[in-house]
Protein backbone atom coordinates (compact mmCIF):
# COMPACT_ATOMS: atom_id res chain seq x y z
CA MET A 1 -102.44 36.29 44.35
CA LYS A 2 -99.12 34.65 43.48
CA VAL A 3 -97.59 36.49 40.32
CA HIS A 4 -94.21 35.45 38.89
CA PHE A 5 -92.31 37.88 36.70
CA LEU A 6 -89.93 36.18 34.34
CA VAL A 7 -86.99 37.84 32.31
CA ASN A 8 -83.67 36.61 30.92
CA SER A 9 -81.64 38.95 33.26
CA LEU A 10 -81.83 42.23 35.01
CA VAL A 11 -79.43 44.25 32.73
CA ALA A 12 -79.77 48.01 32.46
CA GLY A 13 -82.63 48.17 29.99
CA GLY A 14 -86.00 49.83 29.79
CA ALA A 15 -88.05 46.56 29.95
CA GLU A 16 -86.11 45.45 32.88
CA ARG A 17 -86.69 48.70 34.75
CA VAL A 18 -90.47 48.31 34.16
CA LEU A 19 -90.43 44.73 35.33
CA ILE A 20 -88.64 45.87 38.70
CA LEU A 21 -91.20 48.84 39.06
CA LEU A 22 -94.17 46.47 38.49
CA ALA A 23 -92.95 43.71 40.93
CA ASN A 24 -92.34 46.28 43.51
CA TYR A 25 -95.78 47.82 43.08
CA PHE A 26 -97.55 44.35 43.07
CA GLU A 27 -95.80 43.42 46.33
CA GLU A 28 -96.74 46.80 47.92
CA GLN A 29 -100.34 46.14 46.95
CA GLY A 30 -100.28 42.90 48.90
CA GLN A 31 -99.73 40.50 45.99
CA ASP A 32 -97.14 37.58 46.25
CA ALA A 33 -94.56 38.83 43.72
CA THR A 34 -91.50 36.90 42.58
CA ILE A 35 -88.79 37.71 39.91
CA ILE A 36 -87.24 34.83 38.04
CA THR A 37 -84.11 35.22 35.93
CA PHE A 38 -82.17 32.87 33.68
CA ASN A 39 -78.80 34.74 33.50
CA GLU A 40 -76.57 37.42 35.09
CA PRO A 41 -76.09 40.27 35.32
CA GLU A 42 -78.34 41.97 37.97
CA VAL A 43 -77.80 45.62 37.60
CA PHE A 44 -81.25 46.25 38.82
CA SER A 45 -82.68 44.84 42.18
CA ALA A 46 -86.13 44.92 43.62
CA ASN A 47 -87.52 45.72 47.07
CA LYS A 48 -86.43 43.03 49.70
CA ASN A 49 -90.03 41.69 50.04
CA VAL A 50 -90.04 40.83 46.35
CA LYS A 51 -88.89 37.14 46.14
CA ARG A 52 -86.00 36.17 43.85
CA ILE A 53 -85.38 32.91 42.02
CA ARG A 54 -82.25 32.48 39.83
CA LEU A 55 -82.38 29.67 37.39
CA HIS A 56 -78.80 30.17 36.29
CA GLY A 57 -77.33 26.86 36.50
CA GLY A 58 -77.15 23.76 34.16
CA LYS A 59 -74.63 22.43 31.57
CA ILE A 60 -76.73 22.58 28.57
CA LYS A 61 -75.17 25.26 26.28
CA ASN A 62 -77.95 26.03 24.27
CA HIS A 63 -79.70 28.94 26.33
CA MET A 64 -83.33 28.38 25.10
CA VAL A 65 -83.19 24.73 25.92
CA ARG A 66 -81.40 25.29 29.31
CA SER A 67 -83.71 27.91 30.47
CA THR A 68 -86.82 26.09 29.37
CA LYS A 69 -85.59 22.85 31.27
CA ASN A 70 -84.73 24.97 34.35
CA LEU A 71 -88.24 26.62 34.52
CA ALA A 72 -89.91 23.21 33.96
CA SER A 73 -87.92 21.75 36.91
CA LEU A 74 -89.02 24.61 39.03
CA TYR A 75 -92.68 24.17 38.26
CA PHE A 76 -92.68 20.46 38.36
CA LYS A 77 -93.74 20.77 42.09
CA LYS A 78 -97.35 22.28 42.07
CA LYS A 79 -96.48 24.31 45.20
CA ASN A 80 -94.05 26.39 43.06
CA ARG A 81 -96.48 27.34 40.50
CA PRO A 82 -97.95 30.91 40.39
CA ASP A 83 -101.53 32.06 39.50
CA VAL A 84 -100.15 34.09 36.82
CA LEU A 85 -96.76 34.13 34.88
CA ILE A 86 -95.62 37.28 33.24
CA PRO A 87 -92.72 36.75 31.03
CA PHE A 88 -90.85 39.75 29.54
CA MET A 89 -89.42 39.99 26.00
CA THR A 90 -89.87 37.84 22.94
CA GLN A 91 -87.76 34.84 23.45
CA THR A 92 -88.53 34.53 27.14
CA ASN A 93 -92.20 34.96 26.39
CA LEU A 94 -91.94 31.70 24.10
CA ILE A 95 -90.52 29.77 27.15
CA GLY A 96 -93.29 30.97 29.37
CA ILE A 97 -96.05 29.94 26.83
CA ILE A 98 -94.49 26.53 26.48
CA ILE A 99 -94.08 26.01 30.33
CA GLY A 100 -97.60 27.58 30.93
CA LYS A 101 -99.23 25.09 28.55
CA LEU A 102 -97.35 22.21 30.11
CA TYR A 103 -98.46 22.96 33.65
CA GLY A 104 -101.80 24.78 33.06
CA ILE A 105 -100.36 28.18 34.24
CA LYS A 106 -102.03 31.33 33.16
CA VAL A 107 -99.53 33.26 31.11
CA VAL A 108 -99.73 37.04 30.23
CA SER A 109 -96.72 37.65 27.94
CA ALA A 110 -95.20 41.14 27.64
CA GLU A 111 -93.80 42.38 24.43
CA HIS A 112 -91.55 45.43 24.72
CA ASN A 113 -90.58 45.94 20.99
CA ASN A 114 -92.66 46.90 18.26
CA HIS A 115 -93.23 44.04 15.70
CA LEU A 116 -91.18 45.76 12.92
CA LYS A 117 -87.96 45.39 14.80
CA GLU A 118 -85.79 42.76 13.22
CA ILE A 119 -85.36 39.66 15.30
CA ASN A 120 -84.11 36.15 15.00
CA SER A 121 -86.08 33.00 13.71
CA ILE A 122 -87.23 32.05 17.25
CA GLY A 123 -88.50 35.56 17.86
CA ASN A 124 -90.37 35.56 14.49
CA PHE A 125 -91.91 32.25 15.34
CA THR A 126 -92.94 33.72 18.71
CA ARG A 127 -94.60 36.82 17.24
CA ASN A 128 -96.28 35.08 14.29
CA GLN A 129 -97.27 31.80 15.70
CA ALA A 130 -96.77 31.37 19.43
CA TYR A 131 -98.57 34.46 20.93
CA LYS A 132 -102.05 33.13 20.11
CA TYR A 133 -101.26 30.37 22.79
CA SER A 134 -100.60 32.89 25.45
CA ASP A 135 -103.62 33.60 27.65
CA ALA A 136 -102.99 37.37 26.90
CA LEU A 137 -100.46 39.44 25.38
CA THR A 138 -99.49 43.09 26.33
CA VAL A 139 -98.12 45.59 23.72
CA LEU A 140 -96.86 49.15 24.03
CA THR A 141 -99.06 50.90 21.29
CA GLY A 142 -101.92 50.54 19.13
CA PHE A 143 -99.84 50.04 16.15
CA ASP A 144 -98.87 46.71 17.56
CA LYS A 145 -102.29 45.88 18.99
CA LYS A 146 -103.62 46.02 15.46
CA PHE A 147 -100.92 43.54 14.15
CA TYR A 148 -101.42 40.96 16.86
CA LYS A 149 -105.07 41.15 16.78
CA SER A 150 -104.95 40.12 13.12
CA LYS A 151 -103.22 36.87 14.23
CA ASN A 152 -106.00 36.04 16.67
CA VAL A 153 -104.07 37.02 19.77
CA ASN A 154 -105.87 38.21 22.97
CA VAL A 155 -103.86 41.43 22.97
CA HIS A 156 -104.05 44.50 25.25
CA ILE A 157 -102.26 47.91 25.17
CA MET A 158 -100.14 48.19 28.33
CA PRO A 159 -98.06 51.39 28.41
CA ASN A 160 -94.79 51.58 30.21
CA PRO A 161 -95.28 53.29 33.58
CA SER A 162 -93.17 56.42 34.23
CA THR A 163 -90.35 55.36 36.46
CA PHE A 164 -89.60 58.74 38.09
CA SER A 165 -91.48 60.81 40.50
CA VAL A 166 -92.68 64.12 39.00
CA PHE A 167 -90.08 66.85 39.76
CA LYS A 168 -91.57 69.76 41.62
CA GLU A 169 -90.09 72.97 39.97
CA THR A 170 -90.91 76.36 41.80
CA GLU A 171 -88.59 78.36 39.46
CA ARG A 172 -87.11 77.36 36.16
CA ASN A 173 -83.43 77.73 36.55
CA ARG A 174 -81.92 75.08 34.25
CA LYS A 175 -78.47 74.62 32.53
CA LYS A 176 -78.43 75.25 28.75
CA LEU A 177 -78.02 71.46 28.24
CA ILE A 178 -79.61 69.33 25.53
CA LEU A 179 -79.78 65.72 26.88
CA ALA A 180 -79.88 62.41 25.13
CA VAL A 181 -79.85 59.04 27.09
CA GLY A 182 -79.09 55.52 25.84
CA ASP A 183 -76.62 52.85 25.29
CA LEU A 184 -74.01 54.37 23.20
CA ASN A 185 -73.19 51.00 21.51
CA ARG A 186 -76.82 51.04 20.13
CA TYR A 187 -76.07 54.16 18.32
CA HIS A 188 -77.81 53.03 15.10
CA HIS A 189 -80.89 52.16 16.94
CA LYS A 190 -80.83 55.36 19.00
CA GLY A 191 -79.91 57.46 16.10
CA PHE A 192 -76.80 58.99 17.89
CA ASP A 193 -75.02 58.58 14.56
CA ASN A 194 -77.48 61.11 13.20
CA LEU A 195 -77.63 63.25 16.27
CA ILE A 196 -74.29 64.59 15.91
CA PRO A 197 -74.56 65.98 12.27
CA ILE A 198 -78.07 67.28 13.13
CA ILE A 199 -77.10 69.17 16.28
CA ALA A 200 -73.71 70.41 15.11
CA PRO A 201 -74.94 73.61 13.25
CA VAL A 202 -77.38 74.24 16.07
CA LEU A 203 -74.65 74.16 18.61
CA LYS A 204 -72.42 76.41 16.55
CA LYS A 205 -75.09 78.81 16.30
CA HIS A 206 -75.67 78.85 20.07
CA PRO A 207 -72.09 78.56 21.49
CA ASP A 208 -73.58 78.84 25.12
CA TRP A 209 -75.56 75.49 24.84
CA LYS A 210 -74.15 71.99 25.10
CA LEU A 211 -75.13 68.45 24.39
CA LYS A 212 -74.92 65.83 27.10
CA LEU A 213 -74.84 62.19 26.22
CA VAL A 214 -75.66 59.78 29.04
CA GLY A 215 -74.85 56.12 28.47
CA GLY A 216 -72.03 53.65 28.46
CA GLY A 217 -70.48 51.65 25.71
CA ASP A 218 -66.80 51.84 24.64
CA GLU A 219 -67.48 51.10 20.89
CA GLY A 220 -70.24 53.68 20.65
CA MET A 221 -68.07 56.19 22.62
CA SER A 222 -65.37 55.75 20.08
CA PHE A 223 -67.68 56.10 17.11
CA ILE A 224 -69.51 59.13 18.39
CA THR A 225 -66.30 60.87 19.60
CA ASN A 226 -64.98 60.55 15.99
CA LEU A 227 -68.13 62.21 14.63
CA VAL A 228 -67.92 65.05 17.27
CA GLU A 229 -64.44 65.77 16.30
CA LYS A 230 -65.36 65.62 12.52
CA HIS A 231 -68.12 68.34 12.96
CA ASN A 232 -65.77 70.37 15.29
CA ILE A 233 -68.16 70.51 18.22
CA ALA A 234 -66.01 68.69 20.85
CA ASP A 235 -65.99 71.63 23.20
CA GLN A 236 -69.90 71.63 23.23
CA VAL A 237 -70.40 67.71 23.76
CA ILE A 238 -70.20 66.21 27.17
CA PHE A 239 -70.00 62.29 27.54
CA GLU A 240 -71.45 61.63 30.90
CA GLY A 241 -71.19 57.91 30.70
CA TYR A 242 -73.57 55.39 32.35
CA SER A 243 -75.26 57.21 35.25
CA THR A 244 -77.57 56.09 38.16
CA GLU A 245 -78.67 59.74 38.49
CA VAL A 246 -80.60 60.32 35.38
CA ALA A 247 -83.45 61.82 36.99
CA LYS A 248 -81.24 64.52 38.50
CA LEU A 249 -79.48 65.15 35.13
CA MET A 250 -82.98 65.61 33.50
CA SER A 251 -84.17 67.96 36.18
CA GLU A 252 -81.32 70.33 35.61
CA SER A 253 -81.39 70.23 31.82
CA GLU A 254 -83.63 72.19 29.34
CA ILE A 255 -84.30 70.07 26.29
CA TYR A 256 -84.46 66.27 25.67
CA ILE A 257 -83.89 65.05 22.05
CA MET A 258 -84.72 61.61 20.72
CA THR A 259 -83.44 60.71 17.41
CA SER A 260 -84.22 56.95 17.34
CA ARG A 261 -85.03 54.91 14.10
CA PHE A 262 -87.40 52.84 16.09
CA GLU A 263 -88.77 52.29 19.39
CA GLY A 264 -91.36 50.30 21.37
CA LEU A 265 -92.71 53.00 23.96
CA PRO A 266 -89.75 55.02 24.98
CA MET A 267 -89.64 55.31 28.70
CA VAL A 268 -86.99 57.87 28.47
CA LEU A 269 -89.56 60.35 27.04
CA LEU A 270 -91.76 59.72 29.88
CA GLU A 271 -88.96 60.21 32.32
CA ALA A 272 -87.85 63.50 30.72
CA MET A 273 -91.39 64.73 30.85
CA SER A 274 -91.65 63.78 34.57
CA GLN A 275 -88.61 65.94 35.18
CA GLY A 276 -89.95 69.07 33.42
CA MET A 277 -87.93 68.90 30.25
CA ALA A 278 -89.19 70.27 26.92
CA CYS A 279 -88.99 66.97 24.66
CA ILE A 280 -88.50 66.94 20.80
CA SER A 281 -88.49 63.78 19.01
CA PHE A 282 -88.58 62.02 15.59
CA ASP A 283 -92.04 60.57 15.03
CA CYS A 284 -90.53 56.95 14.61
CA LYS A 285 -92.21 53.77 14.74
CA THR A 286 -93.43 53.37 17.45
CA GLY A 287 -94.09 55.14 20.75
CA PRO A 288 -93.34 58.93 20.33
CA SER A 289 -96.81 59.79 18.86
CA ASP A 290 -98.38 57.80 21.85
CA ILE A 291 -96.70 60.08 24.21
CA ILE A 292 -96.27 63.53 22.46
CA THR A 293 -99.14 65.63 21.04
CA ASP A 294 -97.19 67.86 18.61
CA SER A 295 -96.83 71.49 20.02
CA LYS A 296 -98.87 70.63 22.92
CA ASN A 297 -96.60 68.63 25.33
CA GLY A 298 -93.49 68.31 23.06
CA ILE A 299 -92.37 68.59 19.59
CA LEU A 300 -92.90 65.75 16.99
CA ILE A 301 -90.67 65.87 13.98
CA GLU A 302 -91.26 64.04 10.74
CA ASP A 303 -89.43 60.70 10.92
CA GLN A 304 -85.73 61.07 10.10
CA ASN A 305 -86.24 64.49 8.62
CA PHE A 306 -82.82 65.90 9.74
CA ASP A 307 -83.35 69.47 8.62
CA ALA A 308 -86.71 69.73 10.23
CA MET A 309 -85.15 68.47 13.51
CA SER A 310 -82.38 70.93 13.35
CA ASP A 311 -84.98 73.85 12.81
CA GLY A 312 -87.22 72.44 15.72
CA LEU A 313 -84.32 72.34 18.06
CA ASP A 314 -83.25 75.76 17.08
CA GLN A 315 -86.73 77.08 17.62
CA LEU A 316 -86.84 75.48 21.08
CA ILE A 317 -83.56 77.18 22.03
CA ASN A 318 -84.89 80.53 20.93
CA ASN A 319 -88.06 80.24 22.74
CA PRO A 320 -87.74 79.78 26.54
CA GLU A 321 -91.43 80.50 27.15
CA GLN A 322 -92.36 77.62 24.64
CA ARG A 323 -89.92 75.36 26.61
CA LYS A 324 -91.77 76.30 29.86
CA GLU A 325 -95.15 75.65 28.29
CA LEU A 326 -94.22 72.27 26.74
CA ALA A 327 -92.59 71.26 30.08
CA ALA A 328 -95.64 72.10 32.14
CA ASN A 329 -98.03 70.30 29.70
CA GLY A 330 -95.67 67.21 29.65
CA ILE A 331 -96.02 66.73 33.40
CA ASN A 332 -99.83 67.11 33.04
CA SER A 333 -100.00 64.57 30.35
CA LEU A 334 -98.55 61.65 32.38
CA ASP A 335 -101.61 60.40 34.22
CA ASN A 336 -102.10 57.36 31.78
CA PHE A 337 -98.65 56.30 32.56
CA LYS A 338 -98.93 56.17 36.32
CA ILE A 339 -98.11 52.93 38.08
CA ASP A 340 -101.46 52.55 39.74
CA VAL A 341 -103.26 52.83 36.45
CA ILE A 342 -100.90 50.32 34.84
CA TYR A 343 -101.44 48.00 37.82
CA ASN A 344 -105.24 48.20 37.57
CA LYS A 345 -104.98 47.39 33.84
CA TYR A 346 -103.09 44.10 34.82
CA LEU A 347 -105.71 43.20 37.42
CA ASP A 348 -108.53 43.59 34.64
CA ILE A 349 -106.63 41.19 32.52
CA PHE A 350 -106.01 38.65 35.41
CA GLU A 351 -109.92 38.76 36.10
CA SER A 352 -110.63 38.05 32.46
CA ILE A 353 -108.30 35.11 32.16
CA LEU A 354 -108.59 33.42 35.57
């Protein structure tokens, strides 16, 4: 089967990582997989057997119009058309739907944000009007499925696959590190502006523990550094910067903390669990509650309840046995997020629409 994955670019984002993982796995399973992009950069790259098409040219300044024209030109020749087109992200989904209808290509759109996330007018149109014209739509959570089902969309829940291999731990010997990962420039989205005042009293209470922030972004770095200095915890906060060794950093750290205001289905929680970390997260909309069962495989804190988050973190630091139990249960709860399970879910959708 010929399957095309379509995305704006291969920037260092969660959805882009999922796309690469899926394209690689589809190719490994004998499918004819191709990744199409409209723009640079290309931080991630697929296996050499996954085909690449870069539709980056053109003099049209409007990105939406230029990208639509380029894709239409590619598929004008029937031999270039796939059996299924899988566009990723809201605006790219709209382009895929338009071209799919034009050429009779089956389209399985992939939405990677929850429907409450603010977006521009094109995105709102796609969510509220265009998705019903997609042959299928995949969303990350039941929260979003209910929303799109009310709009007569053929919607399916498709969790993100865990991108890291499970870390095999024979003896727990980790650094006293609390880890948080994300683009520092998106500090409002990721809640890093709240993380510092939340964690400051906990770190002062436990001077042998440190917070390590993994992620790039000059503006965010400056903002968060000022917060760290304001709360007098500069000697207990490590700015790792952007890293290609997140799995290693996770495998040597004790606690993962997520303070996001909103998410889709946070891959970083799946990744942290796969590396044996004890996870604690705000129960934000959406995603954490689809991954964490409170006090079983992680700790869920009432959304944006700062005092409860500080108390929960303090409790985890004081209870190494609880950390070990949560970490072990976290690894055991990842079956639904294995790549082979996700792949078979896609095959079921293909069968239903082809």
